[in-house]
Amino acid sequence: MTSEANVLIHWKGLESDPEVHDHLHSRCLHVAAEFPETDHYELSIEPSGRDVKCHGHVNGKQTQLAAHTEGLPTPRQVADSVIDKLERELRREHDKRIFSRRRKAQRDQ
């Protein structure tokens, strides 16, 4: 991919922490470098009682995934958990596409 992925981080009802924001931005860019078909990452972090919850979305070519986590005490922990989930889902979808093509090619031989 020639351009950098678009990363949006929304802080709803929480004060933005520049250190956490930079960490999450770099994590999203790292995942985007591994999966170049993705081009848009969006995280929404908000309070949920005493804990924090986060919703994440990834969009791209033939890709639309969502994940959420709640019940962790800090925005960094909850957002890292969402990014980990999105990365696992991206890996699963990526592998499914690759291996389905290989299986089809083997059947066609």
N, C-alpha and C. Protein backbone atom coordinates (compact mmCIF):
# COMPACT_ATOMS: atom_id res chain seq x y z
N MET A 1 0.84 -1.17 0.00
CA MET A 1 0.00 0.00 0.00
C MET A 1 0.89 1.24 0.00
N THR A 2 0.55 2.20 -0.81
CA THR A 2 1.40 3.36 -0.96
C THR A 2 1.12 4.43 0.08
N SER A 3 -0.06 4.52 0.63
CA SER A 3 -0.36 5.56 1.61
C SER A 3 -0.57 4.95 2.99
N GLU A 4 -0.45 5.80 3.98
CA GLU A 4 -0.59 5.38 5.36
C GLU A 4 -2.07 5.21 5.69
N ALA A 5 -2.38 4.27 6.56
CA ALA A 5 -3.76 4.02 6.96
C ALA A 5 -4.29 5.21 7.77
N ASN A 6 -5.58 5.42 7.65
CA ASN A 6 -6.25 6.48 8.40
C ASN A 6 -6.65 5.92 9.77
N VAL A 7 -6.16 6.53 10.85
CA VAL A 7 -6.45 6.07 12.20
C VAL A 7 -7.18 7.16 12.95
N LEU A 8 -8.39 6.84 13.44
CA LEU A 8 -9.18 7.77 14.23
C LEU A 8 -9.37 7.20 15.62
N ILE A 9 -9.10 8.00 16.63
CA ILE A 9 -9.29 7.57 18.02
C ILE A 9 -10.19 8.60 18.69
N HIS A 10 -11.37 8.14 19.11
CA HIS A 10 -12.35 9.02 19.75
C HIS A 10 -12.33 8.77 21.26
N TRP A 11 -12.23 9.85 22.01
CA TRP A 11 -12.28 9.78 23.47
C TRP A 11 -13.62 10.36 23.90
N LYS A 12 -14.57 9.51 24.23
CA LYS A 12 -15.91 9.96 24.60
C LYS A 12 -16.04 9.98 26.12
N GLY A 13 -16.13 11.16 26.69
CA GLY A 13 -16.30 11.27 28.14
C GLY A 13 -15.02 11.04 28.91
N LEU A 14 -13.91 10.94 28.24
CA LEU A 14 -12.60 10.77 28.89
C LEU A 14 -11.65 11.82 28.35
N GLU A 15 -10.71 12.22 29.16
CA GLU A 15 -9.70 13.16 28.71
C GLU A 15 -8.67 12.41 27.85
N SER A 16 -8.34 12.98 26.73
CA SER A 16 -7.37 12.36 25.83
C SER A 16 -5.99 12.34 26.47
N ASP A 17 -5.35 11.18 26.43
CA ASP A 17 -3.99 11.02 26.94
C ASP A 17 -3.05 10.92 25.74
N PRO A 18 -2.20 11.92 25.52
CA PRO A 18 -1.34 11.91 24.32
C PRO A 18 -0.43 10.68 24.22
N GLU A 19 0.08 10.20 25.35
CA GLU A 19 0.96 9.03 25.33
C GLU A 19 0.19 7.79 24.88
N VAL A 20 -1.01 7.59 25.42
CA VAL A 20 -1.84 6.44 25.04
C VAL A 20 -2.29 6.60 23.58
N HIS A 21 -2.65 7.81 23.20
CA HIS A 21 -3.08 8.08 21.83
C HIS A 21 -1.97 7.71 20.84
N ASP A 22 -0.74 8.13 21.12
CA ASP A 22 0.39 7.82 20.23
C ASP A 22 0.66 6.31 20.19
N HIS A 23 0.56 5.65 21.35
CA HIS A 23 0.76 4.19 21.40
C HIS A 23 -0.27 3.47 20.54
N LEU A 24 -1.54 3.85 20.69
CA LEU A 24 -2.61 3.18 19.93
C LEU A 24 -2.48 3.48 18.44
N HIS A 25 -2.12 4.69 18.11
CA HIS A 25 -1.92 5.06 16.70
C HIS A 25 -0.82 4.21 16.08
N SER A 26 0.31 4.05 16.79
CA SER A 26 1.41 3.25 16.25
C SER A 26 1.04 1.78 16.16
N ARG A 27 0.24 1.27 17.11
CA ARG A 27 -0.20 -0.13 17.03
C ARG A 27 -1.08 -0.34 15.80
N CYS A 28 -1.99 0.59 15.54
CA CYS A 28 -2.86 0.47 14.37
C CYS A 28 -2.04 0.52 13.08
N LEU A 29 -1.06 1.40 13.03
CA LEU A 29 -0.22 1.48 11.83
C LEU A 29 0.60 0.20 11.65
N HIS A 30 1.03 -0.40 12.75
CA HIS A 30 1.77 -1.67 12.67
C HIS A 30 0.87 -2.77 12.09
N VAL A 31 -0.37 -2.85 12.55
CA VAL A 31 -1.31 -3.84 12.01
C VAL A 31 -1.60 -3.54 10.54
N ALA A 32 -1.75 -2.26 10.20
CA ALA A 32 -2.01 -1.88 8.81
C ALA A 32 -0.84 -2.25 7.90
N ALA A 33 0.38 -2.17 8.42
CA ALA A 33 1.55 -2.56 7.61
C ALA A 33 1.53 -4.06 7.33
N GLU A 34 1.02 -4.83 8.28
CA GLU A 34 0.96 -6.28 8.10
C GLU A 34 -0.19 -6.69 7.17
N PHE A 35 -1.27 -5.91 7.18
CA PHE A 35 -2.44 -6.20 6.35
C PHE A 35 -2.71 -4.98 5.46
N PRO A 36 -2.02 -4.89 4.33
CA PRO A 36 -2.13 -3.70 3.48
C PRO A 36 -3.50 -3.48 2.86
N GLU A 37 -4.37 -4.49 2.91
CA GLU A 37 -5.72 -4.29 2.36
C GLU A 37 -6.58 -3.41 3.26
N THR A 38 -6.13 -3.13 4.48
CA THR A 38 -6.88 -2.27 5.39
C THR A 38 -6.42 -0.82 5.23
N ASP A 39 -7.36 0.09 5.33
CA ASP A 39 -6.99 1.50 5.18
C ASP A 39 -7.65 2.43 6.19
N HIS A 40 -8.53 1.95 7.03
CA HIS A 40 -9.22 2.81 7.99
C HIS A 40 -9.40 2.08 9.32
N TYR A 41 -8.87 2.67 10.37
CA TYR A 41 -8.99 2.12 11.72
C TYR A 41 -9.68 3.16 12.59
N GLU A 42 -10.65 2.72 13.38
CA GLU A 42 -11.37 3.66 14.25
C GLU A 42 -11.57 3.01 15.61
N LEU A 43 -11.17 3.72 16.67
CA LEU A 43 -11.35 3.27 18.04
C LEU A 43 -12.17 4.31 18.79
N SER A 44 -13.16 3.86 19.54
CA SER A 44 -13.96 4.74 20.40
C SER A 44 -13.79 4.26 21.83
N ILE A 45 -13.25 5.12 22.67
CA ILE A 45 -12.96 4.77 24.07
C ILE A 45 -13.86 5.61 24.95
N GLU A 46 -14.58 4.96 25.87
CA GLU A 46 -15.50 5.69 26.74
C GLU A 46 -15.64 4.99 28.09
N PRO A 47 -16.06 5.75 29.11
CA PRO A 47 -16.22 5.15 30.43
C PRO A 47 -17.45 4.25 30.48
N SER A 48 -17.37 3.25 31.34
CA SER A 48 -18.49 2.33 31.56
C SER A 48 -18.52 2.02 33.06
N GLY A 49 -19.21 2.86 33.81
CA GLY A 49 -19.20 2.72 35.26
C GLY A 49 -17.81 3.06 35.79
N ARG A 50 -17.21 2.14 36.53
CA ARG A 50 -15.85 2.35 37.04
C ARG A 50 -14.78 1.93 36.04
N ASP A 51 -15.18 1.20 35.03
CA ASP A 51 -14.23 0.68 34.05
C ASP A 51 -14.30 1.48 32.76
N VAL A 52 -13.62 0.97 31.75
CA VAL A 52 -13.58 1.63 30.43
C VAL A 52 -13.97 0.59 29.39
N LYS A 53 -14.66 1.06 28.34
CA LYS A 53 -14.98 0.16 27.22
C LYS A 53 -14.49 0.79 25.93
N CYS A 54 -14.28 -0.07 24.93
CA CYS A 54 -13.74 0.38 23.66
C CYS A 54 -14.38 -0.41 22.52
N HIS A 55 -14.73 0.31 21.47
CA HIS A 55 -15.23 -0.31 20.24
C HIS A 55 -14.23 0.01 19.14
N GLY A 56 -13.94 -0.97 18.30
CA GLY A 56 -12.99 -0.77 17.22
C GLY A 56 -13.55 -1.28 15.90
N HIS A 57 -13.21 -0.58 14.83
CA HIS A 57 -13.63 -0.96 13.48
C HIS A 57 -12.44 -0.86 12.54
N VAL A 58 -12.36 -1.82 11.62
CA VAL A 58 -11.34 -1.81 10.57
C VAL A 58 -12.07 -1.96 9.24
N ASN A 59 -11.73 -1.09 8.30
CA ASN A 59 -12.31 -1.16 6.96
C ASN A 59 -11.19 -1.17 5.94
N GLY A 60 -11.49 -1.74 4.81
CA GLY A 60 -10.52 -1.78 3.72
C GLY A 60 -11.09 -2.56 2.56
N LYS A 61 -10.21 -2.91 1.64
CA LYS A 61 -10.62 -3.67 0.47
C LYS A 61 -11.12 -5.04 0.90
N GLN A 62 -12.38 -5.33 0.67
CA GLN A 62 -13.02 -6.60 1.03
C GLN A 62 -12.92 -6.88 2.53
N THR A 63 -12.81 -5.84 3.36
CA THR A 63 -12.63 -6.05 4.80
C THR A 63 -13.48 -5.07 5.58
N GLN A 64 -14.31 -5.60 6.46
CA GLN A 64 -15.05 -4.80 7.43
C GLN A 64 -15.17 -5.63 8.69
N LEU A 65 -14.43 -5.23 9.72
CA LEU A 65 -14.43 -5.97 10.97
C LEU A 65 -14.71 -5.03 12.13
N ALA A 66 -15.28 -5.58 13.18
CA ALA A 66 -15.55 -4.81 14.39
C ALA A 66 -15.24 -5.68 15.61
N ALA A 67 -14.86 -5.02 16.70
CA ALA A 67 -14.60 -5.72 17.96
C ALA A 67 -14.86 -4.75 19.10
N HIS A 68 -15.12 -5.30 20.27
CA HIS A 68 -15.26 -4.44 21.44
C HIS A 68 -14.78 -5.18 22.69
N THR A 69 -14.41 -4.40 23.68
CA THR A 69 -13.99 -4.93 24.97
C THR A 69 -14.46 -3.96 26.03
N GLU A 70 -14.82 -4.50 27.17
CA GLU A 70 -15.17 -3.63 28.29
C GLU A 70 -14.77 -4.32 29.59
N GLY A 71 -14.74 -3.55 30.66
CA GLY A 71 -14.45 -4.12 31.96
C GLY A 71 -13.00 -4.03 32.38
N LEU A 72 -12.17 -3.34 31.62
CA LEU A 72 -10.77 -3.16 32.03
C LEU A 72 -10.60 -1.75 32.60
N PRO A 73 -9.64 -1.57 33.52
CA PRO A 73 -9.57 -0.31 34.26
C PRO A 73 -8.97 0.89 33.52
N THR A 74 -8.13 0.67 32.49
CA THR A 74 -7.49 1.81 31.84
C THR A 74 -7.80 1.83 30.35
N PRO A 75 -7.81 3.02 29.75
CA PRO A 75 -8.04 3.11 28.30
C PRO A 75 -7.00 2.35 27.47
N ARG A 76 -5.76 2.37 27.92
CA ARG A 76 -4.71 1.68 27.16
C ARG A 76 -4.96 0.17 27.14
N GLN A 77 -5.31 -0.41 28.30
CA GLN A 77 -5.55 -1.85 28.35
C GLN A 77 -6.74 -2.26 27.48
N VAL A 78 -7.82 -1.51 27.58
CA VAL A 78 -9.02 -1.88 26.85
C VAL A 78 -8.82 -1.70 25.34
N ALA A 79 -8.14 -0.63 24.93
CA ALA A 79 -7.90 -0.41 23.50
C ALA A 79 -6.90 -1.42 22.94
N ASP A 80 -5.87 -1.77 23.72
CA ASP A 80 -4.94 -2.82 23.28
C ASP A 80 -5.66 -4.14 23.08
N SER A 81 -6.60 -4.44 23.96
CA SER A 81 -7.38 -5.67 23.82
C SER A 81 -8.20 -5.67 22.54
N VAL A 82 -8.79 -4.54 22.20
CA VAL A 82 -9.58 -4.43 20.96
C VAL A 82 -8.67 -4.58 19.75
N ILE A 83 -7.51 -3.94 19.77
CA ILE A 83 -6.58 -4.05 18.64
C ILE A 83 -6.11 -5.50 18.48
N ASP A 84 -5.85 -6.19 19.60
CA ASP A 84 -5.47 -7.60 19.53
C ASP A 84 -6.57 -8.44 18.89
N LYS A 85 -7.81 -8.18 19.27
CA LYS A 85 -8.94 -8.92 18.69
C LYS A 85 -9.07 -8.65 17.19
N LEU A 86 -8.94 -7.38 16.82
CA LEU A 86 -9.02 -7.04 15.40
C LEU A 86 -7.90 -7.69 14.61
N GLU A 87 -6.71 -7.73 15.19
CA GLU A 87 -5.57 -8.36 14.51
C GLU A 87 -5.81 -9.85 14.31
N ARG A 88 -6.36 -10.52 15.33
CA ARG A 88 -6.68 -11.96 15.20
C ARG A 88 -7.72 -12.18 14.11
N GLU A 89 -8.75 -11.33 14.07
CA GLU A 89 -9.78 -11.47 13.05
C GLU A 89 -9.23 -11.21 11.65
N LEU A 90 -8.37 -10.20 11.54
CA LEU A 90 -7.73 -9.93 10.25
C LEU A 90 -6.89 -11.11 9.80
N ARG A 91 -6.14 -11.71 10.70
CA ARG A 91 -5.32 -12.88 10.38
C ARG A 91 -6.21 -14.03 9.92
N ARG A 92 -7.32 -14.24 10.63
CA ARG A 92 -8.23 -15.33 10.28
C ARG A 92 -8.83 -15.11 8.89
N GLU A 93 -9.29 -13.91 8.61
CA GLU A 93 -9.87 -13.60 7.30
C GLU A 93 -8.82 -13.69 6.20
N HIS A 94 -7.63 -13.18 6.47
CA HIS A 94 -6.53 -13.22 5.50
C HIS A 94 -6.16 -14.67 5.16
N ASP A 95 -5.99 -15.48 6.19
CA ASP A 95 -5.65 -16.89 5.97
C ASP A 95 -6.77 -17.63 5.24
N LYS A 96 -8.00 -17.30 5.57
CA LYS A 96 -9.14 -17.95 4.91
C LYS A 96 -9.11 -17.66 3.41
N ARG A 97 -8.83 -16.40 3.04
CA ARG A 97 -8.76 -16.05 1.63
C ARG A 97 -7.62 -16.77 0.91
N ILE A 98 -6.45 -16.78 1.55
CA ILE A 98 -5.28 -17.40 0.93
C ILE A 98 -5.48 -18.91 0.77
N PHE A 99 -5.89 -19.58 1.85
CA PHE A 99 -6.00 -21.03 1.80
C PHE A 99 -7.18 -21.49 0.96
N SER A 100 -8.24 -20.69 0.87
CA SER A 100 -9.35 -21.10 0.00
C SER A 100 -8.90 -21.05 -1.47
N ARG A 101 -8.07 -20.08 -1.83
CA ARG A 101 -7.54 -20.03 -3.20
C ARG A 101 -6.62 -21.22 -3.47
N ARG A 102 -5.80 -21.57 -2.50
CA ARG A 102 -4.90 -22.72 -2.68
C ARG A 102 -5.69 -24.02 -2.82
N ARG A 103 -6.73 -24.18 -1.97
CA ARG A 103 -7.54 -25.40 -2.07
C ARG A 103 -8.24 -25.47 -3.42
N LYS A 104 -8.75 -24.33 -3.87
CA LYS A 104 -9.40 -24.31 -5.17
C LYS A 104 -8.42 -24.64 -6.29
N ALA A 105 -7.21 -24.11 -6.21
CA ALA A 105 -6.21 -24.39 -7.24
C ALA A 105 -5.82 -25.86 -7.23
N GLN A 106 -5.72 -26.47 -6.06
CA GLN A 106 -5.39 -27.90 -5.98
C GLN A 106 -6.52 -28.76 -6.54
N ARG A 107 -7.75 -28.37 -6.29
CA ARG A 107 -8.90 -29.12 -6.84
C ARG A 107 -8.94 -29.02 -8.35
N ASP A 108 -8.56 -27.87 -8.89
CA ASP A 108 -8.63 -27.65 -10.33
C ASP A 108 -7.51 -28.36 -11.09
N GLN A 109 -6.48 -28.82 -10.41
CA GLN A 109 -5.35 -29.46 -11.09
C GLN A 109 -5.71 -30.83 -11.57
